[in-house]
Amino acid sequence: MRASMILPITIAAAALAGQAIAGERSVLNIHSNYTAEELLSPCQEADNDARWGQAAEIECEQYIIGYVDALEATGAIGTEIGICLPEQNVSDEVRWAFMRWVHGSYSERTKMMAANALLATMQDAFPCAN
């Protein structure tokens, strides 16, 4: 029964990511209120808090992994798109890049939807070599 749920969930995630990439009014913007500030909190606490740091890291990196997987499923990562992620330790590399990117213009970027902020992070931090 669990395996039968994986395909519909993957398809839904891929559809959401594809719409976010399209730059049109995204389903993510309509249905998700998860902001960059809300994602930033567990991403930072993963390194700062011994008591719940491990749980925070899981929350942060699982969101990132799901988002990256959805982008990959829709073909929204690669040389054609201009985002080339590292081959190893992707979730941690994206997490660190996301934290740096948000802090680059904190008051403005924390208000963004988390999905849009992650996409902008990856476009900025992981461009493909020419």
N, C-alpha and C. Protein backbone atom coordinates (compact mmCIF):
# COMPACT_ATOMS: atom_id res chain seq x y z
N MET A 1 0.81 -1.19 0.00
CA MET A 1 0.00 0.00 0.00
C MET A 1 0.86 1.26 0.00
N ARG A 2 1.96 1.26 0.76
CA ARG A 2 2.85 2.43 0.77
C ARG A 2 3.44 2.70 -0.59
N ALA A 3 3.86 1.66 -1.28
CA ALA A 3 4.47 1.83 -2.60
C ALA A 3 3.47 2.42 -3.58
N SER A 4 2.19 2.09 -3.43
CA SER A 4 1.19 2.61 -4.35
C SER A 4 0.95 4.11 -4.16
N MET A 5 1.36 4.66 -3.03
CA MET A 5 1.19 6.09 -2.78
C MET A 5 2.36 6.91 -3.30
N ILE A 6 3.50 6.29 -3.54
CA ILE A 6 4.69 7.03 -3.94
C ILE A 6 4.52 7.71 -5.29
N LEU A 7 4.00 7.03 -6.27
CA LEU A 7 3.84 7.61 -7.60
C LEU A 7 2.93 8.83 -7.60
N PRO A 8 1.72 8.76 -6.99
CA PRO A 8 0.89 9.97 -6.98
C PRO A 8 1.53 11.15 -6.26
N ILE A 9 2.24 10.88 -5.18
CA ILE A 9 2.90 11.97 -4.45
C ILE A 9 4.01 12.57 -5.30
N THR A 10 4.79 11.73 -5.97
CA THR A 10 5.87 12.20 -6.83
C THR A 10 5.32 13.04 -7.98
N ILE A 11 4.23 12.59 -8.57
CA ILE A 11 3.62 13.33 -9.68
C ILE A 11 3.13 14.69 -9.21
N ALA A 12 2.49 14.73 -8.05
CA ALA A 12 2.00 16.00 -7.51
C ALA A 12 3.15 16.96 -7.22
N ALA A 13 4.22 16.45 -6.62
CA ALA A 13 5.38 17.30 -6.32
C ALA A 13 6.01 17.82 -7.60
N ALA A 14 6.11 16.96 -8.60
CA ALA A 14 6.69 17.37 -9.88
C ALA A 14 5.84 18.45 -10.54
N ALA A 15 4.54 18.31 -10.47
CA ALA A 15 3.66 19.31 -11.07
C ALA A 15 3.81 20.65 -10.37
N LEU A 16 3.89 20.63 -9.06
CA LEU A 16 4.06 21.87 -8.30
C LEU A 16 5.37 22.55 -8.65
N ALA A 17 6.44 21.78 -8.71
CA ALA A 17 7.75 22.36 -9.03
C ALA A 17 7.75 22.91 -10.45
N GLY A 18 7.15 22.20 -11.37
CA GLY A 18 7.10 22.65 -12.75
C GLY A 18 6.39 23.98 -12.90
N GLN A 19 5.32 24.16 -12.15
CA GLN A 19 4.60 25.43 -12.20
C GLN A 19 5.41 26.55 -11.58
N ALA A 20 6.17 26.24 -10.54
CA ALA A 20 7.01 27.27 -9.91
C ALA A 20 8.09 27.73 -10.87
N ILE A 21 8.66 26.79 -11.62
CA ILE A 21 9.71 27.11 -12.59
C ILE A 21 9.15 27.95 -13.73
N ALA A 22 7.91 27.70 -14.09
CA ALA A 22 7.32 28.39 -15.23
C ALA A 22 7.22 29.89 -15.00
N GLY A 23 7.31 30.31 -13.74
CA GLY A 23 7.28 31.73 -13.45
C GLY A 23 5.88 32.31 -13.45
N GLU A 24 4.88 31.49 -13.68
CA GLU A 24 3.51 31.96 -13.65
C GLU A 24 3.01 31.88 -12.22
N ARG A 25 1.78 32.24 -12.03
CA ARG A 25 1.20 32.16 -10.70
C ARG A 25 1.24 30.70 -10.26
N SER A 26 2.11 30.41 -9.37
CA SER A 26 2.41 29.05 -8.96
C SER A 26 1.39 28.50 -8.00
N VAL A 27 1.10 27.21 -8.14
CA VAL A 27 0.27 26.52 -7.16
C VAL A 27 0.93 26.61 -5.80
N LEU A 28 2.26 26.62 -5.77
CA LEU A 28 2.97 26.74 -4.50
C LEU A 28 2.63 28.06 -3.82
N ASN A 29 2.49 29.11 -4.58
CA ASN A 29 2.15 30.41 -4.01
C ASN A 29 0.71 30.45 -3.53
N ILE A 30 -0.14 29.66 -4.13
CA ILE A 30 -1.55 29.66 -3.76
C ILE A 30 -1.80 28.78 -2.53
N HIS A 31 -1.18 27.63 -2.47
CA HIS A 31 -1.48 26.66 -1.44
C HIS A 31 -0.46 26.57 -0.31
N SER A 32 0.66 27.16 -0.44
CA SER A 32 1.69 27.05 0.59
C SER A 32 1.97 28.40 1.20
N ASN A 33 1.95 28.43 2.50
CA ASN A 33 2.31 29.65 3.21
C ASN A 33 3.66 29.51 3.88
N TYR A 34 4.41 28.49 3.53
CA TYR A 34 5.71 28.22 4.15
C TYR A 34 6.72 29.19 3.57
N THR A 35 7.20 30.09 4.41
CA THR A 35 8.08 31.15 3.93
C THR A 35 9.55 30.78 4.07
N ALA A 36 10.38 31.57 3.45
CA ALA A 36 11.82 31.37 3.58
C ALA A 36 12.25 31.53 5.03
N GLU A 37 11.61 32.44 5.75
CA GLU A 37 11.94 32.62 7.17
C GLU A 37 11.62 31.36 7.97
N GLU A 38 10.50 30.72 7.67
CA GLU A 38 10.12 29.50 8.38
C GLU A 38 11.06 28.35 8.05
N LEU A 39 11.55 28.28 6.84
CA LEU A 39 12.52 27.25 6.49
C LEU A 39 13.89 27.59 7.06
N LEU A 40 14.22 28.85 7.10
CA LEU A 40 15.51 29.28 7.62
C LEU A 40 15.69 28.87 9.09
N SER A 41 14.64 28.93 9.86
CA SER A 41 14.74 28.61 11.28
C SER A 41 15.29 27.21 11.54
N PRO A 42 14.68 26.14 11.01
CA PRO A 42 15.26 24.82 11.27
C PRO A 42 16.61 24.61 10.58
N CYS A 43 16.83 25.29 9.45
CA CYS A 43 18.13 25.15 8.78
C CYS A 43 19.25 25.70 9.65
N GLN A 44 19.00 26.82 10.30
CA GLN A 44 20.00 27.40 11.19
C GLN A 44 20.12 26.62 12.49
N GLU A 45 19.00 26.21 13.06
CA GLU A 45 19.02 25.50 14.33
C GLU A 45 19.71 24.14 14.20
N ALA A 46 19.78 23.62 13.02
CA ALA A 46 20.46 22.34 12.80
C ALA A 46 21.91 22.41 13.28
N ASP A 47 22.50 23.58 13.21
CA ASP A 47 23.88 23.75 13.63
C ASP A 47 24.03 24.42 14.99
N ASN A 48 22.96 25.02 15.50
CA ASN A 48 23.07 25.82 16.71
C ASN A 48 22.54 25.17 17.98
N ASP A 49 21.64 24.22 17.89
CA ASP A 49 20.94 23.74 19.07
C ASP A 49 21.15 22.24 19.26
N ALA A 50 21.86 21.88 20.31
CA ALA A 50 22.15 20.47 20.57
C ALA A 50 20.89 19.70 20.93
N ARG A 51 19.89 20.36 21.52
CA ARG A 51 18.69 19.65 21.96
C ARG A 51 17.81 19.24 20.80
N TRP A 52 17.51 20.12 19.89
CA TRP A 52 16.65 19.73 18.78
C TRP A 52 17.31 19.95 17.43
N GLY A 53 18.62 20.10 17.44
CA GLY A 53 19.35 20.33 16.20
C GLY A 53 19.20 19.23 15.18
N GLN A 54 19.20 17.97 15.63
CA GLN A 54 19.06 16.86 14.69
C GLN A 54 17.68 16.86 14.06
N ALA A 55 16.64 17.09 14.86
CA ALA A 55 15.28 17.14 14.32
C ALA A 55 15.13 18.33 13.37
N ALA A 56 15.74 19.46 13.70
CA ALA A 56 15.68 20.63 12.84
C ALA A 56 16.38 20.37 11.52
N GLU A 57 17.52 19.71 11.58
CA GLU A 57 18.24 19.38 10.34
C GLU A 57 17.40 18.48 9.45
N ILE A 58 16.72 17.52 10.05
CA ILE A 58 15.86 16.63 9.27
C ILE A 58 14.73 17.43 8.62
N GLU A 59 14.10 18.32 9.38
CA GLU A 59 13.01 19.14 8.81
C GLU A 59 13.51 19.96 7.63
N CYS A 60 14.62 20.62 7.81
CA CYS A 60 15.18 21.47 6.77
C CYS A 60 15.59 20.66 5.54
N GLU A 61 16.40 19.65 5.76
CA GLU A 61 16.96 18.91 4.62
C GLU A 61 15.91 18.05 3.92
N GLN A 62 14.89 17.58 4.62
CA GLN A 62 13.84 16.82 3.94
C GLN A 62 13.02 17.73 3.02
N TYR A 63 12.79 18.96 3.44
CA TYR A 63 12.11 19.92 2.56
C TYR A 63 12.96 20.15 1.31
N ILE A 64 14.24 20.38 1.52
CA ILE A 64 15.15 20.63 0.40
C ILE A 64 15.22 19.42 -0.52
N ILE A 65 15.37 18.23 0.04
CA ILE A 65 15.45 17.01 -0.77
C ILE A 65 14.18 16.83 -1.59
N GLY A 66 13.02 17.03 -0.98
CA GLY A 66 11.76 16.91 -1.71
C GLY A 66 11.65 17.91 -2.84
N TYR A 67 12.09 19.13 -2.59
CA TYR A 67 12.03 20.17 -3.61
C TYR A 67 12.98 19.85 -4.76
N VAL A 68 14.20 19.47 -4.43
CA VAL A 68 15.19 19.13 -5.46
C VAL A 68 14.72 17.91 -6.26
N ASP A 69 14.18 16.91 -5.60
CA ASP A 69 13.67 15.73 -6.31
C ASP A 69 12.55 16.11 -7.28
N ALA A 70 11.67 17.00 -6.86
CA ALA A 70 10.59 17.44 -7.74
C ALA A 70 11.14 18.19 -8.95
N LEU A 71 12.14 19.04 -8.72
CA LEU A 71 12.76 19.75 -9.85
C LEU A 71 13.43 18.78 -10.81
N GLU A 72 14.13 17.79 -10.26
CA GLU A 72 14.79 16.80 -11.12
C GLU A 72 13.76 15.98 -11.90
N ALA A 73 12.65 15.64 -11.26
CA ALA A 73 11.61 14.85 -11.94
C ALA A 73 10.98 15.60 -13.10
N THR A 74 10.96 16.92 -13.02
CA THR A 74 10.38 17.72 -14.09
C THR A 74 11.41 18.22 -15.10
N GLY A 75 12.68 17.86 -14.88
CA GLY A 75 13.73 18.30 -15.79
C GLY A 75 14.13 19.75 -15.57
N ALA A 76 13.84 20.28 -14.39
CA ALA A 76 14.12 21.69 -14.12
C ALA A 76 15.49 21.92 -13.50
N ILE A 77 16.33 20.91 -13.54
CA ILE A 77 17.72 21.05 -13.08
C ILE A 77 18.60 20.46 -14.16
N GLY A 78 19.65 21.16 -14.49
CA GLY A 78 20.58 20.67 -15.51
C GLY A 78 21.11 21.80 -16.34
N THR A 79 21.94 21.46 -17.29
CA THR A 79 22.60 22.48 -18.10
C THR A 79 21.62 23.29 -18.94
N GLU A 80 20.51 22.68 -19.39
CA GLU A 80 19.53 23.40 -20.20
C GLU A 80 18.86 24.51 -19.39
N ILE A 81 18.67 24.27 -18.10
CA ILE A 81 18.00 25.21 -17.20
C ILE A 81 19.01 26.16 -16.57
N GLY A 82 20.25 25.70 -16.42
CA GLY A 82 21.29 26.54 -15.85
C GLY A 82 21.56 26.30 -14.38
N ILE A 83 20.97 25.25 -13.81
CA ILE A 83 21.23 24.88 -12.42
C ILE A 83 21.94 23.54 -12.42
N CYS A 84 23.15 23.51 -11.92
CA CYS A 84 23.93 22.27 -11.85
C CYS A 84 24.36 22.06 -10.39
N LEU A 85 23.67 21.18 -9.72
CA LEU A 85 23.94 20.92 -8.31
C LEU A 85 25.19 20.08 -8.14
N PRO A 86 25.82 20.16 -6.96
CA PRO A 86 27.00 19.33 -6.71
C PRO A 86 26.62 17.85 -6.75
N GLU A 87 27.57 17.01 -7.04
CA GLU A 87 27.30 15.58 -7.15
C GLU A 87 27.17 14.90 -5.79
N GLN A 88 27.74 15.47 -4.75
CA GLN A 88 27.70 14.87 -3.43
C GLN A 88 27.15 15.86 -2.41
N ASN A 89 26.54 15.30 -1.37
CA ASN A 89 26.08 16.09 -0.22
C ASN A 89 25.16 17.24 -0.63
N VAL A 90 24.24 16.96 -1.55
CA VAL A 90 23.39 18.01 -2.12
C VAL A 90 22.56 18.73 -1.06
N SER A 91 21.90 17.98 -0.18
CA SER A 91 21.01 18.64 0.78
C SER A 91 21.78 19.59 1.69
N ASP A 92 22.95 19.19 2.13
CA ASP A 92 23.73 20.05 3.01
C ASP A 92 24.28 21.27 2.25
N GLU A 93 24.76 21.05 1.03
CA GLU A 93 25.27 22.17 0.22
C GLU A 93 24.18 23.19 -0.08
N VAL A 94 22.98 22.69 -0.43
CA VAL A 94 21.87 23.60 -0.72
C VAL A 94 21.44 24.31 0.57
N ARG A 95 21.44 23.59 1.68
CA ARG A 95 21.06 24.20 2.97
C ARG A 95 21.99 25.38 3.30
N TRP A 96 23.28 25.17 3.18
CA TRP A 96 24.24 26.25 3.47
C TRP A 96 24.09 27.40 2.48
N ALA A 97 23.91 27.08 1.23
CA ALA A 97 23.72 28.13 0.21
C ALA A 97 22.44 28.92 0.48
N PHE A 98 21.38 28.23 0.86
CA PHE A 98 20.11 28.87 1.18
C PHE A 98 20.27 29.85 2.34
N MET A 99 20.95 29.42 3.39
CA MET A 99 21.14 30.30 4.55
C MET A 99 21.93 31.55 4.17
N ARG A 100 23.01 31.36 3.38
CA ARG A 100 23.81 32.52 2.94
C ARG A 100 22.98 33.45 2.06
N TRP A 101 22.22 32.86 1.14
CA TRP A 101 21.43 33.65 0.19
C TRP A 101 20.38 34.48 0.92
N VAL A 102 19.65 33.87 1.83
CA VAL A 102 18.61 34.60 2.56
C VAL A 102 19.22 35.74 3.37
N HIS A 103 20.34 35.47 4.03
CA HIS A 103 20.98 36.51 4.83
C HIS A 103 21.57 37.62 3.98
N GLY A 104 21.74 37.38 2.69
CA GLY A 104 22.26 38.41 1.79
C GLY A 104 21.33 39.61 1.66
N SER A 105 20.05 39.41 1.87
CA SER A 105 19.05 40.50 1.86
C SER A 105 17.90 40.05 2.76
N TYR A 106 18.20 39.93 4.02
CA TYR A 106 17.35 39.26 4.99
C TYR A 106 15.91 39.77 5.03
N SER A 107 15.71 41.06 5.21
CA SER A 107 14.36 41.58 5.39
C SER A 107 13.48 41.36 4.16
N GLU A 108 14.08 41.35 3.01
CA GLU A 108 13.35 41.15 1.75
C GLU A 108 13.12 39.66 1.47
N ARG A 109 14.14 38.86 1.62
CA ARG A 109 14.08 37.45 1.21
C ARG A 109 13.34 36.55 2.20
N THR A 110 13.28 36.91 3.46
CA THR A 110 12.57 36.06 4.42
C THR A 110 11.07 36.06 4.17
N LYS A 111 10.56 37.04 3.46
CA LYS A 111 9.13 37.12 3.15
C LYS A 111 8.74 36.27 1.95
N MET A 112 9.71 35.81 1.20
CA MET A 112 9.43 34.99 0.00
C MET A 112 8.89 33.63 0.40
N MET A 113 8.19 32.99 -0.51
CA MET A 113 7.81 31.61 -0.29
C MET A 113 9.08 30.76 -0.31
N ALA A 114 9.13 29.76 0.53
CA ALA A 114 10.33 28.93 0.66
C ALA A 114 10.73 28.31 -0.68
N ALA A 115 9.76 27.82 -1.44
CA ALA A 115 10.08 27.20 -2.72
C ALA A 115 10.73 28.18 -3.68
N ASN A 116 10.20 29.39 -3.74
CA ASN A 116 10.78 30.41 -4.62
C ASN A 116 12.17 30.82 -4.16
N ALA A 117 12.36 30.90 -2.85
CA ALA A 117 13.68 31.25 -2.31
C ALA A 117 14.69 30.15 -2.61
N LEU A 118 14.28 28.89 -2.50
CA LEU A 118 15.20 27.79 -2.82
C LEU A 118 15.57 27.81 -4.30
N LEU A 119 14.61 28.07 -5.16
CA LEU A 119 14.91 28.14 -6.59
C LEU A 119 15.90 29.26 -6.87
N ALA A 120 15.67 30.44 -6.30
CA ALA A 120 16.58 31.56 -6.50
C ALA A 120 17.97 31.25 -5.93
N THR A 121 18.00 30.56 -4.79
CA THR A 121 19.28 30.15 -4.20
C THR A 121 20.06 29.28 -5.16
N MET A 122 19.39 28.25 -5.70
CA MET A 122 20.08 27.31 -6.59
C MET A 122 20.53 27.99 -7.88
N GLN A 123 19.73 28.90 -8.41
CA GLN A 123 20.12 29.63 -9.61
C GLN A 123 21.36 30.48 -9.35
N ASP A 124 21.44 31.07 -8.17
CA ASP A 124 22.54 31.93 -7.82
C ASP A 124 23.80 31.14 -7.41
N ALA A 125 23.60 30.10 -6.61
CA ALA A 125 24.75 29.39 -6.02
C ALA A 125 25.28 28.25 -6.87
N PHE A 126 24.47 27.71 -7.77
CA PHE A 126 24.89 26.52 -8.52
C PHE A 126 24.67 26.68 -10.03
N PRO A 127 25.23 27.75 -10.61
CA PRO A 127 25.11 27.89 -12.06
C PRO A 127 25.98 26.86 -12.77
N CYS A 128 25.54 26.47 -13.93
CA CYS A 128 26.35 25.52 -14.71
C CYS A 128 27.53 26.25 -15.34
N ALA A 129 28.65 25.55 -15.39
CA ALA A 129 29.85 26.12 -16.03
C ALA A 129 29.59 26.21 -17.53
N ASN A 130 30.08 27.27 -18.13
CA ASN A 130 29.88 27.46 -19.58
C ASN A 130 30.77 26.57 -20.38
